[in-house]
């Protein structure tokens, strides 16, 4: 009889212990969820931490920068943009050729140069090309600035890395400097160079690769002898600026 009377008490005790265990487990799960949420929060604020990147995204949306420009996520003050190069003079012979330009801009308080990387694939193998900033992506090209060389490997791939001012590159005629408001670092004197093109460094290479002996040299190659460079091979191909 004593055993039978103690059963309700034992059941109540077991039930209380079970409820306590469930409460503890629920608290642990809630704490883990809170830690997980706290850990993932910084990723959501990446855009908020870089107002310059958001400004460039807005320029793409409004058409001030070409739609082909991609602004990468980055922590301020670093800003990273990318845009593709497409075949121009080599389009018929190498229609699959591709290029990707990456421009990294750091803190202007410490450095004034941008770091530019150009990667290409499916290009003519073992050929040297010259890189130019240009006023217009296609003919007549306008003002131009030589910036680097790129030599492909035997498999048609290649890359080059160089440093200079890209985001506010411009050409000036001291006789008639003019001005431009496109740059964010003040008024530039002259014509903004906001496109990129790639030319054959050698006219003979271009004639051989493209199987066309009638090709003419490039008038602004700046080399010796004159007109020794070949035609344009790649371009960003955009009407709106890419940088």
C-alpha atoms as a PDB file:
ATOM      1  CA  UNK A   1       0.000   0.000   0.000  1.00  0.00           C
ATOM      2  CA  UNK A   2       2.858   2.373   0.824  1.00  0.00           C
ATOM      3  CA  UNK A   3       4.364   1.627  -2.605  1.00  0.00           C
ATOM      4  CA  UNK A   4       1.070   2.318  -4.378  1.00  0.00           C
ATOM      5  CA  UNK A   5       0.667   5.672  -2.562  1.00  0.00           C
ATOM      6  CA  UNK A   6       4.167   6.782  -3.654  1.00  0.00           C
ATOM      7  CA  UNK A   7       3.537   6.247  -7.365  1.00  0.00           C
ATOM      8  CA  UNK A   8       1.850   9.640  -8.020  1.00  0.00           C
ATOM      9  CA  UNK A   9       4.731  11.397  -6.292  1.00  0.00           C
ATOM     10  CA  UNK A  10       7.307   9.519  -8.380  1.00  0.00           C
ATOM     11  CA  UNK A  11       5.435  10.293 -11.593  1.00  0.00           C
ATOM     12  CA  UNK A  12       5.311  13.973 -10.705  1.00  0.00           C
ATOM     13  CA  UNK A  13       9.041  13.958  -9.938  1.00  0.00           C
ATOM     14  CA  UNK A  14       9.897  12.286 -13.256  1.00  0.00           C
ATOM     15  CA  UNK A  15       7.687  14.738 -15.129  1.00  0.00           C
ATOM     16  CA  UNK A  16       9.395  17.691 -13.448  1.00  0.00           C
ATOM     17  CA  UNK A  17      12.827  16.324 -14.327  1.00  0.00           C
ATOM     18  CA  UNK A  18      11.767  15.804 -17.949  1.00  0.00           C
ATOM     19  CA  UNK A  19      10.459  19.374 -18.219  1.00  0.00           C
ATOM     20  CA  UNK A  20      13.721  20.695 -16.742  1.00  0.00           C
ATOM     21  CA  UNK A  21      15.790  18.776 -19.311  1.00  0.00           C
ATOM     22  CA  UNK A  22      13.691  20.093 -22.196  1.00  0.00           C
ATOM     23  CA  UNK A  23      14.045  23.636 -20.883  1.00  0.00           C
ATOM     24  CA  UNK A  24      17.852  23.355 -20.691  1.00  0.00           C
ATOM     25  CA  UNK A  25      18.070  21.899 -24.222  1.00  0.00           C
ATOM     26  CA  UNK A  26      15.869  24.684 -25.558  1.00  0.00           C
ATOM     27  CA  UNK A  27      18.112  27.297 -23.955  1.00  0.00           C
ATOM     28  CA  UNK A  28      21.238  25.759 -25.519  1.00  0.00           C
ATOM     29  CA  UNK A  29      19.607  25.666 -28.966  1.00  0.00           C
ATOM     30  CA  UNK A  30      18.512  29.303 -28.657  1.00  0.00           C
ATOM     31  CA  UNK A  31      22.030  30.373 -27.656  1.00  0.00           C
ATOM     32  CA  UNK A  32      23.515  28.499 -30.626  1.00  0.00           C
ATOM     33  CA  UNK A  33      21.048  30.169 -32.971  1.00  0.00           C
ATOM     34  CA  UNK A  34      21.930  33.569 -31.541  1.00  0.00           C
ATOM     35  CA  UNK A  35      25.673  32.911 -31.997  1.00  0.00           C
ATOM     36  CA  UNK A  36      25.095  31.795 -35.600  1.00  0.00           C
ATOM     37  CA  UNK A  37      23.069  34.915 -36.356  1.00  0.00           C
ATOM     38  CA  UNK A  38      25.680  37.157 -34.772  1.00  0.00           C
ATOM     39  CA  UNK A  39      28.489  35.492 -36.743  1.00  0.00           C
ATOM     40  CA  UNK A  40      26.760  35.922 -40.108  1.00  0.00           C
ATOM     41  CA  UNK A  41      25.755  39.563 -39.559  1.00  0.00           C
ATOM     42  CA  UNK A  42      28.975  41.198 -40.914  1.00  0.00           C
ATOM     43  CA  UNK A  43      28.440  39.650 -44.366  1.00  0.00           C
ATOM     44  CA  UNK A  44      25.158  41.520 -44.649  1.00  0.00           C
ATOM     45  CA  UNK A  45      26.792  44.911 -44.122  1.00  0.00           C
ATOM     46  CA  UNK A  46      29.520  44.655 -46.792  1.00  0.00           C
ATOM     47  CA  UNK A  47      27.886  47.187 -49.112  1.00  0.00           C
ATOM     48  CA  UNK A  48      27.252  49.585 -46.240  1.00  0.00           C
ATOM     49  CA  UNK A  49      30.957  49.595 -45.371  1.00  0.00           C
ATOM     50  CA  UNK A  50      32.018  50.798 -48.835  1.00  0.00           C
ATOM     51  CA  UNK A  51      30.152  53.896 -50.027  1.00  0.00           C
ATOM     52  CA  UNK A  52      32.457  54.309 -53.045  1.00  0.00           C
ATOM     53  CA  UNK A  53      31.558  50.840 -54.328  1.00  0.00           C
ATOM     54  CA  UNK A  54      27.868  51.658 -53.983  1.00  0.00           C
ATOM     55  CA  UNK A  55      28.446  54.940 -55.823  1.00  0.00           C
ATOM     56  CA  UNK A  56      29.985  53.024 -58.748  1.00  0.00           C
ATOM     57  CA  UNK A  57      27.078  50.565 -58.742  1.00  0.00           C
ATOM     58  CA  UNK A  58      24.699  53.500 -58.979  1.00  0.00           C
ATOM     59  CA  UNK A  59      26.721  54.848 -61.931  1.00  0.00           C
ATOM     60  CA  UNK A  60      26.278  51.483 -63.680  1.00  0.00           C
ATOM     61  CA  UNK A  61      22.534  51.522 -62.995  1.00  0.00           C
ATOM     62  CA  UNK A  62      22.214  55.075 -64.341  1.00  0.00           C
ATOM     63  CA  UNK A  63      24.280  54.383 -67.471  1.00  0.00           C
ATOM     64  CA  UNK A  64      27.256  56.567 -66.468  1.00  0.00           C
ATOM     65  CA  UNK A  65      29.355  53.398 -66.522  1.00  0.00           C
ATOM     66  CA  UNK A  66      28.865  50.581 -69.038  1.00  0.00           C
ATOM     67  CA  UNK A  67      26.562  47.704 -68.131  1.00  0.00           C
ATOM     68  CA  UNK A  68      29.516  45.326 -68.592  1.00  0.00           C
ATOM     69  CA  UNK A  69      31.245  46.807 -65.514  1.00  0.00           C
ATOM     70  CA  UNK A  70      30.987  44.680 -62.369  1.00  0.00           C
ATOM     71  CA  UNK A  71      31.747  46.249 -58.980  1.00  0.00           C
ATOM     72  CA  UNK A  72      33.006  43.589 -56.569  1.00  0.00           C
ATOM     73  CA  UNK A  73      32.260  43.546 -52.844  1.00  0.00           C
ATOM     74  CA  UNK A  74      35.189  44.970 -50.884  1.00  0.00           C
ATOM     75  CA  UNK A  75      35.900  46.705 -47.604  1.00  0.00           C
ATOM     76  CA  UNK A  76      36.487  50.446 -47.777  1.00  0.00           C
ATOM     77  CA  UNK A  77      38.655  52.158 -48.821  1.00  0.00           C
ATOM     78  CA  UNK A  78      39.537  49.460 -51.395  1.00  0.00           C
ATOM     79  CA  UNK A  79      37.399  49.428 -54.535  1.00  0.00           C
ATOM     80  CA  UNK A  80      37.519  46.652 -57.164  1.00  0.00           C
ATOM     81  CA  UNK A  81      35.917  46.727 -60.607  1.00  0.00           C
ATOM     82  CA  UNK A  82      36.015  44.241 -63.471  1.00  0.00           C
ATOM     83  CA  UNK A  83      35.010  44.376 -67.125  1.00  0.00           C
ATOM     84  CA  UNK A  84      35.529  42.018 -70.095  1.00  0.00           C
ATOM     85  CA  UNK A  85      37.522  42.486 -73.278  1.00  0.00           C
ATOM     86  CA  UNK A  86      36.081  41.082 -76.502  1.00  0.00           C
ATOM     87  CA  UNK A  87      37.725  40.228 -79.862  1.00  0.00           C
ATOM     88  CA  UNK A  88      37.900  43.003 -82.444  1.00  0.00           C
ATOM     89  CA  UNK A  89      40.648  42.543 -85.051  1.00  0.00           C
ATOM     90  CA  UNK A  90      41.021  38.829 -84.218  1.00  0.00           C
ATOM     91  CA  UNK A  91      37.282  38.108 -84.116  1.00  0.00           C
ATOM     92  CA  UNK A  92      37.143  36.015 -87.304  1.00  0.00           C
ATOM     93  CA  UNK A  93      40.271  33.973 -86.579  1.00  0.00           C
ATOM     94  CA  UNK A  94      39.834  33.674 -82.776  1.00  0.00           C
ATOM     95  CA  UNK A  95      36.110  34.132 -82.028  1.00  0.00           C
ATOM     96  CA  UNK A  96      36.425  32.431 -78.621  1.00  0.00           C
ATOM     97  CA  UNK A  97      39.083  34.836 -77.324  1.00  0.00           C
ATOM     98  CA  UNK A  98      38.223  36.380 -73.952  1.00  0.00           C
ATOM     99  CA  UNK A  99      39.792  38.932 -71.666  1.00  0.00           C
ATOM    100  CA  UNK A 100      39.081  40.133 -68.135  1.00  0.00           C
ATOM    101  CA  UNK A 101      40.363  43.404 -66.686  1.00  0.00           C
ATOM    102  CA  UNK A 102      40.472  43.860 -62.910  1.00  0.00           C
ATOM    103  CA  UNK A 103      41.221  47.280 -61.432  1.00  0.00           C
ATOM    104  CA  UNK A 104      41.964  47.541 -57.701  1.00  0.00           C
ATOM    105  CA  UNK A 105      41.945  50.975 -56.137  1.00  0.00           C
ATOM    106  CA  UNK A 106      43.308  51.359 -52.620  1.00  0.00           C
ATOM    107  CA  UNK A 107      43.542  54.164 -50.109  1.00  0.00           C
ATOM    108  CA  UNK A 108      44.347  57.424 -51.885  1.00  0.00           C
ATOM    109  CA  UNK A 109      45.948  58.719 -48.648  1.00  0.00           C
ATOM    110  CA  UNK A 110      48.748  56.164 -49.050  1.00  0.00           C
ATOM    111  CA  UNK A 111      49.019  55.448 -52.793  1.00  0.00           C
ATOM    112  CA  UNK A 112      47.885  57.149 -55.956  1.00  0.00           C
ATOM    113  CA  UNK A 113      48.290  54.238 -58.388  1.00  0.00           C
ATOM    114  CA  UNK A 114      45.710  51.599 -59.221  1.00  0.00           C
ATOM    115  CA  UNK A 115      46.672  47.955 -59.717  1.00  0.00           C
ATOM    116  CA  UNK A 116      45.445  46.585 -63.042  1.00  0.00           C
ATOM    117  CA  UNK A 117      45.423  42.909 -64.025  1.00  0.00           C
ATOM    118  CA  UNK A 118      44.569  41.746 -67.550  1.00  0.00           C
ATOM    119  CA  UNK A 119      43.905  38.014 -68.125  1.00  0.00           C
ATOM    120  CA  UNK A 120      43.275  36.570 -71.594  1.00  0.00           C
ATOM    121  CA  UNK A 121      42.409  33.124 -72.964  1.00  0.00           C
ATOM    122  CA  UNK A 122      42.002  31.518 -76.402  1.00  0.00           C
ATOM    123  CA  UNK A 123      44.283  34.146 -77.929  1.00  0.00           C
ATOM    124  CA  UNK A 124      46.914  33.746 -80.683  1.00  0.00           C
ATOM    125  CA  UNK A 125      49.757  31.814 -79.000  1.00  0.00           C
ATOM    126  CA  UNK A 126      53.227  33.245 -78.365  1.00  0.00           C
ATOM    127  CA  UNK A 127      52.301  36.764 -79.486  1.00  0.00           C
ATOM    128  CA  UNK A 128      53.068  40.082 -77.754  1.00  0.00           C
ATOM    129  CA  UNK A 129      50.283  42.655 -77.521  1.00  0.00           C
ATOM    130  CA  UNK A 130      50.345  46.260 -76.333  1.00  0.00           C
ATOM    131  CA  UNK A 131      47.734  47.663 -73.948  1.00  0.00           C
ATOM    132  CA  UNK A 132      46.347  51.191 -74.317  1.00  0.00           C
ATOM    133  CA  UNK A 133      43.894  53.380 -72.450  1.00  0.00           C
ATOM    134  CA  UNK A 134      41.785  54.942 -75.174  1.00  0.00           C
ATOM    135  CA  UNK A 135      39.191  57.662 -75.531  1.00  0.00           C
ATOM    136  CA  UNK A 136      36.831  55.535 -77.647  1.00  0.00           C
ATOM    137  CA  UNK A 137      36.605  51.730 -77.558  1.00  0.00           C
ATOM    138  CA  UNK A 138      36.497  51.458 -81.358  1.00  0.00           C
ATOM    139  CA  UNK A 139      37.711  53.457 -84.349  1.00  0.00           C
ATOM    140  CA  UNK A 140      38.703  56.260 -84.544  1.00  0.00           C
ATOM    141  CA  UNK A 141      39.926  55.585 -80.925  1.00  0.00           C
ATOM    142  CA  UNK A 142      40.701  59.263 -80.237  1.00  0.00           C
ATOM    143  CA  UNK A 143      43.381  60.034 -77.656  1.00  0.00           C
ATOM    144  CA  UNK A 144      45.359  57.034 -76.411  1.00  0.00           C
ATOM    145  CA  UNK A 145      47.921  56.187 -73.719  1.00  0.00           C
ATOM    146  CA  UNK A 146      50.276  53.193 -73.827  1.00  0.00           C
ATOM    147  CA  UNK A 147      50.271  51.368 -70.473  1.00  0.00           C
ATOM    148  CA  UNK A 148      51.671  47.805 -70.745  1.00  0.00           C
ATOM    149  CA  UNK A 149      52.585  44.729 -72.792  1.00  0.00           C
ATOM    150  CA  UNK A 150      51.099  41.231 -72.632  1.00  0.00           C
ATOM    151  CA  UNK A 151      52.698  38.114 -74.169  1.00  0.00           C
ATOM    152  CA  UNK A 152      50.612  34.973 -74.585  1.00  0.00           C
ATOM    153  CA  UNK A 153      51.803  31.434 -73.890  1.00  0.00           C
ATOM    154  CA  UNK A 154      51.721  28.504 -76.265  1.00  0.00           C
ATOM    155  CA  UNK A 155      48.170  27.658 -75.184  1.00  0.00           C
ATOM    156  CA  UNK A 156      46.864  31.166 -75.916  1.00  0.00           C
ATOM    157  CA  UNK A 157      46.592  32.260 -72.281  1.00  0.00           C
ATOM    158  CA  UNK A 158      48.377  35.211 -70.746  1.00  0.00           C
ATOM    159  CA  UNK A 159      48.264  37.908 -68.112  1.00  0.00           C
ATOM    160  CA  UNK A 160      49.941  41.153 -67.209  1.00  0.00           C
ATOM    161  CA  UNK A 161      49.889  43.244 -64.016  1.00  0.00           C
ATOM    162  CA  UNK A 162      50.819  46.917 -63.903  1.00  0.00           C
ATOM    163  CA  UNK A 163      50.264  49.991 -61.764  1.00  0.00           C
ATOM    164  CA  UNK A 164      49.197  53.469 -62.801  1.00  0.00           C
ATOM    165  CA  UNK A 165      46.243  55.830 -62.482  1.00  0.00           C
ATOM    166  CA  UNK A 166      43.276  54.252 -64.274  1.00  0.00           C
ATOM    167  CA  UNK A 167      40.081  55.654 -62.771  1.00  0.00           C
ATOM    168  CA  UNK A 168      40.964  59.243 -63.680  1.00  0.00           C
ATOM    169  CA  UNK A 169      43.335  58.744 -66.637  1.00  0.00           C
ATOM    170  CA  UNK A 170      43.239  61.624 -69.099  1.00  0.00           C
ATOM    171  CA  UNK A 171      45.069  63.160 -72.055  1.00  0.00           C
ATOM    172  CA  UNK A 172      45.790  66.888 -72.131  1.00  0.00           C
ATOM    173  CA  UNK A 173      46.631  69.315 -74.909  1.00  0.00           C
ATOM    174  CA  UNK A 174      48.426  72.201 -73.190  1.00  0.00           C
ATOM    175  CA  UNK A 175      47.347  74.523 -76.014  1.00  0.00           C
ATOM    176  CA  UNK A 176      43.695  73.861 -75.204  1.00  0.00           C
ATOM    177  CA  UNK A 177      43.430  71.940 -71.917  1.00  0.00           C
ATOM    178  CA  UNK A 178      39.685  72.145 -71.367  1.00  0.00           C
ATOM    179  CA  UNK A 179      38.280  70.338 -68.346  1.00  0.00           C
ATOM    180  CA  UNK A 180      36.264  67.315 -67.315  1.00  0.00           C
ATOM    181  CA  UNK A 181      34.179  66.580 -64.233  1.00  0.00           C
ATOM    182  CA  UNK A 182      34.009  62.789 -64.649  1.00  0.00           C
ATOM    183  CA  UNK A 183      36.798  62.031 -62.153  1.00  0.00           C
ATOM    184  CA  UNK A 184      36.038  62.010 -58.444  1.00  0.00           C
ATOM    185  CA  UNK A 185      39.398  63.522 -57.510  1.00  0.00           C
ATOM    186  CA  UNK A 186      38.797  66.968 -58.936  1.00  0.00           C
ATOM    187  CA  UNK A 187      38.614  68.483 -62.397  1.00  0.00           C
ATOM    188  CA  UNK A 188      40.869  66.814 -64.972  1.00  0.00           C
ATOM    189  CA  UNK A 189      42.492  68.880 -67.707  1.00  0.00           C
ATOM    190  CA  UNK A 190      41.665  67.539 -71.142  1.00  0.00           C
ATOM    191  CA  UNK A 191      40.055  64.340 -72.396  1.00  0.00           C
ATOM    192  CA  UNK A 192      39.228  61.374 -70.134  1.00  0.00           C
ATOM    193  CA  UNK A 193      40.573  57.976 -71.231  1.00  0.00           C
ATOM    194  CA  UNK A 194      37.871  55.575 -70.067  1.00  0.00           C
ATOM    195  CA  UNK A 195      38.301  52.525 -72.306  1.00  0.00           C
ATOM    196  CA  UNK A 196      40.924  49.838 -72.912  1.00  0.00           C
ATOM    197  CA  UNK A 197      42.211  48.236 -76.089  1.00  0.00           C
ATOM    198  CA  UNK A 198      44.865  45.678 -77.025  1.00  0.00           C
ATOM    199  CA  UNK A 199      46.933  45.851 -80.219  1.00  0.00           C
ATOM    200  CA  UNK A 200      49.372  43.518 -81.959  1.00  0.00           C
ATOM    201  CA  UNK A 201      52.842  44.706 -81.024  1.00  0.00           C
ATOM    202  CA  UNK A 202      54.193  43.537 -84.395  1.00  0.00           C
ATOM    203  CA  UNK A 203      52.563  44.147 -87.787  1.00  0.00           C
ATOM    204  CA  UNK A 204      54.313  41.049 -89.167  1.00  0.00           C
ATOM    205  CA  UNK A 205      52.817  38.937 -86.360  1.00  0.00           C
ATOM    206  CA  UNK A 206      49.365  40.254 -87.176  1.00  0.00           C
ATOM    207  CA  UNK A 207      49.744  39.578 -90.900  1.00  0.00           C
ATOM    208  CA  UNK A 208      50.877  36.009 -90.188  1.00  0.00           C
ATOM    209  CA  UNK A 209      48.331  35.185 -87.477  1.00  0.00           C
ATOM    210  CA  UNK A 210      45.420  36.692 -89.415  1.00  0.00           C
ATOM    211  CA  UNK A 211      46.716  35.449 -92.786  1.00  0.00           C
ATOM    212  CA  UNK A 212      46.387  38.896 -94.318  1.00  0.00           C
ATOM    213  CA  UNK A 213      49.438  40.519 -95.873  1.00  0.00           C
ATOM    214  CA  UNK A 214      47.532  43.711 -96.687  1.00  0.00           C
ATOM    215  CA  UNK A 215      47.128  44.793 -93.049  1.00  0.00           C
ATOM    216  CA  UNK A 216      48.478  48.268 -92.303  1.00  0.00           C
ATOM    217  CA  UNK A 217      50.440  49.396 -89.253  1.00  0.00           C
ATOM    218  CA  UNK A 218      49.049  51.382 -86.347  1.00  0.00           C
ATOM    219  CA  UNK A 219      49.754  55.093 -86.532  1.00  0.00           C
ATOM    220  CA  UNK A 220      50.107  55.680 -82.777  1.00  0.00           C
ATOM    221  CA  UNK A 221      52.394  52.764 -81.855  1.00  0.00           C
ATOM    222  CA  UNK A 222      55.245  55.145 -81.013  1.00  0.00           C
ATOM    223  CA  UNK A 223      57.857  52.602 -82.073  1.00  0.00           C
ATOM    224  CA  UNK A 224      60.763  52.377 -84.450  1.00  0.00           C
ATOM    225  CA  UNK A 225      60.310  51.978 -87.346  1.00  0.00           C
ATOM    226  CA  UNK A 226      57.026  53.914 -87.574  1.00  0.00           C
ATOM    227  CA  UNK A 227      53.824  51.925 -88.154  1.00  0.00           C
ATOM    228  CA  UNK A 228      55.461  48.708 -86.964  1.00  0.00           C
ATOM    229  CA  UNK A 229      52.552  47.653 -84.726  1.00  0.00           C
ATOM    230  CA  UNK A 230      49.528  45.757 -85.986  1.00  0.00           C
ATOM    231  CA  UNK A 231      45.784  46.388 -85.704  1.00  0.00           C
ATOM    232  CA  UNK A 232      43.640  46.319 -82.596  1.00  0.00           C
ATOM    233  CA  UNK A 233      43.037  42.769 -81.351  1.00  0.00           C
ATOM    234  CA  UNK A 234      40.736  43.250 -78.312  1.00  0.00           C
ATOM    235  CA  UNK A 235      38.583  46.028 -76.888  1.00  0.00           C
ATOM    236  CA  UNK A 236      36.041  46.586 -74.130  1.00  0.00           C
ATOM    237  CA  UNK A 237      33.637  47.438 -76.983  1.00  0.00           C
ATOM    238  CA  UNK A 238      31.461  49.773 -74.929  1.00  0.00           C
ATOM    239  CA  UNK A 239      30.082  53.229 -75.668  1.00  0.00           C
ATOM    240  CA  UNK A 240      29.740  54.229 -72.002  1.00  0.00           C
ATOM    241  CA  UNK A 241      32.956  54.351 -69.912  1.00  0.00           C
ATOM    242  CA  UNK A 242      34.272  51.206 -68.261  1.00  0.00           C
ATOM    243  CA  UNK A 243      36.467  53.058 -65.725  1.00  0.00           C
END
